[in-house]
Amino acid sequence: MRTGSERSSEDLDTRRKKALFRSWHRGTREMDLVFGRFADAEIATLSDEDMDHYEALMLAPDPEIFKWVSGEKAVPGNYDTPVFRRIKEFYTRFDVENLSLAEKGA
């Protein structure tokens, strides 16, 4: 299982470089993996508006975000943005793919 960024930030603008770094340095390992994996895959494709939402989301407390992403708690309206839904879908898809690999004995 990946536990750190494998994406180079070389081709990113300064804003996205900072967001990529912050995505992998959240303070809790669970959120490093949620935000970090998403950022590795998607940071270059986020629009400026998506980046606004992404940066705002990263200011929320990790335990709350994890509850929202895992579905344990409802997402407050101000955080229920298209980029949050992309993160949640990405997290869910990644989790299911890893489960499938684990079930196969990989």
Protein backbone atom coordinates (compact mmCIF):
# COMPACT_ATOMS: atom_id res chain seq x y z
CA MET A 1 0.00 0.00 0.00
CA ARG A 2 1.27 3.45 -0.89
CA THR A 3 2.01 5.60 2.13
CA GLY A 4 3.48 8.71 0.55
CA SER A 5 3.24 10.83 -2.55
CA GLU A 6 4.51 9.28 -5.72
CA ARG A 7 3.61 12.31 -7.84
CA SER A 8 6.17 14.91 -8.78
CA SER A 9 5.12 18.50 -8.25
CA GLU A 10 7.49 19.70 -10.96
CA ASP A 11 4.74 20.46 -13.50
CA LEU A 12 2.42 22.17 -11.01
CA ASP A 13 1.96 25.88 -10.31
CA THR A 14 2.85 27.16 -6.84
CA ARG A 15 -0.71 26.95 -5.53
CA ARG A 16 -1.06 23.30 -6.50
CA LYS A 17 2.43 22.44 -5.22
CA LYS A 18 1.49 23.79 -1.80
CA ALA A 19 -1.85 21.96 -1.84
CA LEU A 20 -0.14 18.70 -2.83
CA PHE A 21 2.33 19.05 0.04
CA ARG A 22 -0.42 19.93 2.53
CA SER A 23 -2.49 16.98 1.30
CA TRP A 24 0.22 14.56 2.40
CA HIS A 25 1.01 16.40 5.66
CA ARG A 26 -2.38 16.65 7.37
CA GLY A 27 -1.52 15.58 10.89
CA THR A 28 -3.38 12.27 10.83
CA ARG A 29 -2.29 9.35 8.69
CA GLU A 30 -5.85 8.55 7.64
CA MET A 31 -6.36 12.01 6.19
CA ASP A 32 -2.89 12.02 4.62
CA LEU A 33 -4.05 8.98 2.68
CA VAL A 34 -7.47 10.41 1.77
CA PHE A 35 -6.23 13.83 0.65
CA GLY A 36 -2.80 12.70 -0.53
CA ARG A 37 -4.00 9.96 -2.84
CA PHE A 38 -6.69 12.24 -4.23
CA ALA A 39 -4.18 15.05 -4.79
CA ASP A 40 -1.69 12.72 -6.48
CA ALA A 41 -4.37 11.69 -8.95
CA GLU A 42 -6.40 14.89 -9.39
CA ILE A 43 -4.58 18.07 -8.28
CA ALA A 44 -3.43 18.99 -11.79
CA THR A 45 -6.98 18.77 -13.17
CA LEU A 46 -8.75 20.89 -10.53
CA SER A 47 -10.07 24.21 -11.78
CA ASP A 48 -9.34 27.41 -9.85
CA GLU A 49 -12.85 27.23 -8.37
CA ASP A 50 -12.26 23.59 -7.37
CA MET A 51 -8.98 24.66 -5.78
CA ASP A 52 -10.85 27.29 -3.75
CA HIS A 53 -13.15 24.56 -2.40
CA TYR A 54 -10.27 22.12 -1.89
CA GLU A 55 -8.22 24.63 0.10
CA ALA A 56 -11.26 25.57 2.21
CA LEU A 57 -11.96 21.89 2.91
CA MET A 58 -8.38 21.33 4.03
CA LEU A 59 -8.95 23.93 6.78
CA ALA A 60 -11.63 21.78 8.43
CA PRO A 61 -10.58 19.45 11.29
CA ASP A 62 -9.36 16.03 10.15
CA PRO A 63 -11.71 14.01 12.41
CA GLU A 64 -14.73 15.81 10.97
CA ILE A 65 -13.61 15.41 7.37
CA PHE A 66 -13.00 11.71 7.90
CA LYS A 67 -16.52 11.30 9.28
CA TRP A 68 -17.93 13.09 6.22
CA VAL A 69 -15.87 11.07 3.75
CA SER A 70 -16.68 7.76 5.42
CA GLY A 71 -20.38 8.63 5.62
CA GLU A 72 -20.44 8.48 9.41
CA LYS A 73 -21.67 12.07 9.60
CA ALA A 74 -23.56 14.35 7.20
CA VAL A 75 -21.47 16.89 5.31
CA PRO A 76 -22.27 20.52 6.23
CA GLY A 77 -23.65 22.44 3.25
CA ASN A 78 -20.67 24.78 2.98
CA TYR A 79 -18.37 21.77 2.45
CA ASP A 80 -20.72 19.73 0.26
CA THR A 81 -19.13 20.88 -2.99
CA PRO A 82 -18.39 19.09 -6.25
CA VAL A 83 -14.75 18.72 -5.21
CA PHE A 84 -15.76 17.14 -1.87
CA ARG A 85 -17.98 14.68 -3.73
CA ARG A 86 -15.05 13.85 -6.02
CA ILE A 87 -12.87 13.16 -2.97
CA LYS A 88 -15.56 10.98 -1.40
CA GLU A 89 -16.08 9.04 -4.63
CA PHE A 90 -12.31 8.65 -5.05
CA TYR A 91 -11.97 7.44 -1.44
CA THR A 92 -14.82 4.97 -1.87
CA ARG A 93 -13.48 3.66 -5.18
CA PHE A 94 -9.93 3.33 -3.81
CA ASP A 95 -11.19 1.52 -0.71
CA VAL A 96 -13.22 -0.93 -2.81
CA GLU A 97 -10.30 -1.58 -5.16
CA ASN A 98 -7.99 -2.31 -2.19
CA LEU A 99 -10.61 -4.60 -0.66
CA SER A 100 -10.82 -6.52 -3.89
CA LEU A 101 -7.03 -6.93 -3.97
CA ALA A 102 -6.99 -8.07 -0.33
CA GLU A 103 -9.73 -10.61 -1.01
CA LYS A 104 -7.69 -12.00 -3.91
CA GLY A 105 -4.68 -12.43 -1.61
CA ALA A 106 -2.61 -9.77 -3.33
